[in-house]
Protein backbone atom coordinates (compact mmCIF):
# COMPACT_ATOMS: atom_id res chain seq x y z
CA MET A 1 46.04 109.67 110.32
CA THR A 2 45.84 113.35 109.59
CA PRO A 3 43.29 114.66 107.12
CA ARG A 4 44.41 114.77 103.50
CA ILE A 5 43.68 118.49 103.44
CA PRO A 6 44.66 120.86 106.26
CA LYS A 7 41.93 122.06 108.57
CA ALA A 8 40.51 125.49 107.80
CA GLU A 9 40.08 128.16 110.45
CA LEU A 10 36.48 128.39 111.61
CA PRO A 11 34.84 131.62 112.77
CA ALA A 12 35.48 132.01 116.52
CA ALA A 13 31.79 131.96 117.52
CA MET A 14 31.16 128.78 115.53
CA ARG A 15 34.22 127.12 117.02
CA GLU A 16 33.18 128.04 120.58
CA ASN A 17 29.61 126.82 120.01
CA MET A 18 30.80 123.43 118.74
CA ILE A 19 33.16 123.03 121.68
CA LYS A 20 30.30 123.88 124.05
CA GLN A 21 27.98 121.36 122.36
CA LEU A 22 30.38 118.50 121.68
CA GLY A 23 33.51 119.16 123.72
CA ALA A 24 35.56 119.55 120.51
CA VAL A 25 35.27 120.87 116.98
CA PRO A 26 34.40 118.02 114.59
CA GLU A 27 37.26 117.55 112.14
CA PRO A 28 34.91 117.08 109.17
CA VAL A 29 33.64 120.63 109.71
CA GLU A 30 37.17 122.03 109.90
CA VAL A 31 38.19 120.25 106.70
CA VAL A 32 35.07 121.08 104.70
CA TRP A 33 35.16 124.72 105.90
CA HIS A 34 37.58 125.40 103.02
CA SER A 35 34.28 125.81 101.18
CA PRO A 36 31.99 127.55 103.71
CA LYS A 37 28.98 127.10 101.39
CA VAL A 38 29.48 123.33 101.27
CA ALA A 39 30.11 123.14 105.03
CA THR A 40 27.12 125.32 105.88
CA SER A 41 24.79 123.39 103.58
CA SER A 42 25.93 120.09 105.07
CA LEU A 43 25.52 121.35 108.64
CA GLU A 44 22.08 122.78 107.87
CA PHE A 45 20.87 119.57 106.27
CA SER A 46 22.32 117.51 109.11
CA ALA A 47 20.39 119.69 111.57
CA LYS A 48 17.20 119.12 109.54
CA LEU A 49 17.80 115.35 109.71
CA ALA A 50 17.92 115.60 113.49
CA GLU A 51 14.37 117.00 113.39
CA TRP A 52 12.99 114.03 111.46
CA ASP A 53 11.01 111.89 113.86
CA VAL A 54 8.87 109.38 111.97
CA ALA A 55 11.42 106.56 111.75
CA ASP A 56 12.67 105.14 115.03
CA ALA A 57 15.85 106.86 116.28
CA SER A 58 17.52 103.53 117.06
CA LEU A 59 16.92 102.22 113.54
CA LYS A 60 18.45 105.37 112.05
CA SER A 61 21.38 105.21 114.46
CA PHE A 62 22.07 101.54 113.72
CA ALA A 63 21.72 102.19 109.97
CA HIS A 64 24.19 105.09 110.24
CA MET A 65 26.75 102.94 112.02
CA ALA A 66 26.23 100.05 109.60
CA VAL A 67 27.02 102.39 106.69
CA ALA A 68 30.03 103.81 108.54
CA ALA A 69 31.38 100.32 109.25
CA GLN A 70 30.91 99.26 105.64
CA VAL A 71 32.50 102.39 104.16
CA GLY A 72 35.27 102.36 106.76
CA CYS A 73 34.54 105.75 108.31
CA SER A 74 35.98 105.44 111.82
CA TRP A 75 35.01 109.06 112.54
CA CYS A 76 31.34 108.27 111.86
CA LEU A 77 31.43 105.17 114.07
CA ASP A 78 33.17 107.18 116.78
CA VAL A 79 30.56 109.95 116.76
CA GLY A 80 27.76 107.41 116.27
CA TYR A 81 28.56 105.73 119.60
CA PHE A 82 28.78 109.14 121.26
CA GLN A 83 25.39 110.17 119.85
CA ALA A 84 23.80 106.85 120.82
CA GLN A 85 24.84 107.46 124.41
CA ASN A 86 23.60 111.06 124.36
CA GLU A 87 20.25 109.96 122.88
CA ASN A 88 19.84 107.22 125.53
CA LEU A 89 19.77 104.46 122.91
CA ASP A 90 20.63 100.85 123.68
CA LEU A 91 24.41 101.02 124.01
CA ALA A 92 24.89 97.25 124.14
CA LYS A 93 23.27 97.05 120.72
CA ALA A 94 25.10 100.10 119.39
CA SER A 95 28.42 98.54 120.32
CA GLN A 96 27.58 95.48 118.20
CA VAL A 97 26.56 97.22 114.96
CA PRO A 98 29.86 96.55 113.14
CA ARG A 99 29.27 92.82 113.70
CA TRP A 100 25.49 92.81 113.53
CA ARG A 101 25.32 89.65 111.43
CA GLU A 102 27.11 87.61 114.10
CA SER A 103 25.53 89.34 117.13
CA GLU A 104 22.34 88.03 118.69
CA VAL A 105 21.18 91.29 120.32
CA PHE A 106 19.20 92.70 117.38
CA THR A 107 15.54 92.29 116.50
CA PRO A 108 14.54 91.15 113.00
CA LEU A 109 13.49 94.74 112.16
CA GLU A 110 16.85 96.14 113.29
CA ARG A 111 18.67 93.49 111.26
CA ASP A 112 16.63 94.33 108.17
CA ALA A 113 17.30 98.06 108.63
CA MET A 114 21.06 97.43 108.79
CA GLU A 115 20.90 95.06 105.83
CA TYR A 116 18.99 97.76 103.93
CA ALA A 117 21.60 100.37 104.89
CA GLU A 118 24.38 98.13 103.60
CA ALA A 119 22.44 97.30 100.43
CA MET A 120 22.00 101.02 99.74
CA THR A 121 25.73 101.52 100.36
CA ASN A 122 26.91 98.79 98.00
CA THR A 123 28.13 99.92 94.61
CA PRO A 124 25.98 99.33 92.69
CA PRO A 125 23.18 99.26 95.28
CA THR A 126 21.79 95.80 96.01
CA VAL A 127 18.41 96.68 97.53
CA THR A 128 15.92 93.94 96.70
CA ASP A 129 12.20 94.37 96.19
CA GLU A 130 11.60 91.82 98.95
CA LEU A 131 13.72 93.65 101.56
CA TYR A 132 12.20 97.01 100.65
CA ALA A 133 8.64 95.64 100.77
CA SER A 134 9.26 93.95 104.10
CA LEU A 135 10.54 97.16 105.67
CA LEU A 136 7.77 99.22 104.07
CA ASP A 137 5.15 96.86 105.46
CA ARG A 138 6.53 97.19 109.01
CA LEU A 139 7.53 100.88 108.97
CA GLY A 140 4.91 102.48 106.75
CA PRO A 141 5.54 104.88 103.84
CA ALA A 142 6.57 107.98 105.82
CA ALA A 143 9.14 106.16 107.98
CA MET A 144 10.45 104.23 104.95
CA VAL A 145 11.02 107.45 103.02
CA GLU A 146 12.70 109.00 106.05
CA LEU A 147 14.97 106.00 106.67
CA THR A 148 15.96 105.88 103.00
CA ALA A 149 16.79 109.61 102.84
CA TYR A 150 18.69 109.35 106.12
CA ILE A 151 20.82 106.46 104.85
CA ALA A 152 21.48 108.35 101.60
CA PHE A 153 22.75 111.38 103.53
CA VAL A 154 24.90 109.17 105.77
CA ASN A 155 26.46 107.67 102.65
CA MET A 156 27.43 111.14 101.46
CA ALA A 157 28.90 112.07 104.85
CA THR A 158 30.81 108.83 105.41
CA ARG A 159 32.27 108.81 101.91
CA ASN A 160 33.22 112.48 102.23
CA ASN A 161 35.01 111.85 105.53
CA ASN A 162 36.71 108.75 104.21
CA ALA A 163 37.96 110.47 101.05
CA ASN A 164 39.22 113.46 103.07
CA GLY A 165 41.20 111.12 105.35
CA ILE A 166 39.25 111.95 108.50
CA THR A 167 39.47 109.29 111.20
CA SER A 168 38.19 108.74 114.72
CA GLN A 169 38.45 111.81 116.90
CA GLY A 170 37.83 110.17 120.27
CA PHE A 171 34.21 111.17 120.85
CA SER A 172 33.35 107.60 121.88
CA ASP A 173 35.96 107.68 124.65
CA ALA A 174 33.15 109.07 126.83
CA CYS A 175 31.05 105.94 126.23
CA GLU A 176 30.99 103.17 128.79
CA ILE A 177 30.70 100.36 126.26
CA PRO A 178 33.29 98.16 124.61
CA LEU A 179 33.24 98.92 120.90
CA ALA A 180 33.05 95.98 118.53
CA THR A 181 35.11 95.79 115.38
CA ARG A 182 33.72 94.56 112.11
CA PRO A 183 34.81 91.04 111.18
CA GLU A 184 36.52 90.94 107.82
CA THR A 185 34.28 88.07 106.72
CA SER A 186 31.23 90.35 107.04
CA ARG A 187 32.72 92.97 104.76
CA ALA A 188 33.51 90.38 102.13
CA ALA A 189 30.04 88.86 102.45
CA SER A 190 28.29 92.22 102.15
CA THR A 191 30.12 93.18 98.97
CA ALA A 192 29.73 89.82 97.27
């Protein structure tokens, strides 16, 4: 699928830097560059998120991919696998995020983080006091705030990509893991 809006031309230096860092220019940046202020703000905030280090990187990564699977953002899943590999995260687990409910590779904390990510993503949100309290007890206030803000940003990014018609760009082709697909029964169960 091609984006619903044509890609904008990026400044040459920016384009070259992204190719050097990632091997390609991310399509979301090219599409959103029609409004350089929006694109720049999003890139700057995304860079700030990468500096956050209180919540476990794996929990944030799994939460990101759980949101992407629920929203249907194949670009986010694609880049999520790529980032998991580059951050030396557990790739066997990362490959199973779209089917985390059926998979047996996740810890109870990881499962709760993905459930929380999906509950935040539901419209309207379905976060329960019990789930929040359980995570807060295990993570502590600073990590809970960080995880929540991270999931909120991921929701913005995945929904933006989805609405703009941006799909997988092939970043995960470099990964040496088989990528799981989300069972349709999980999607129905998570929105019920």
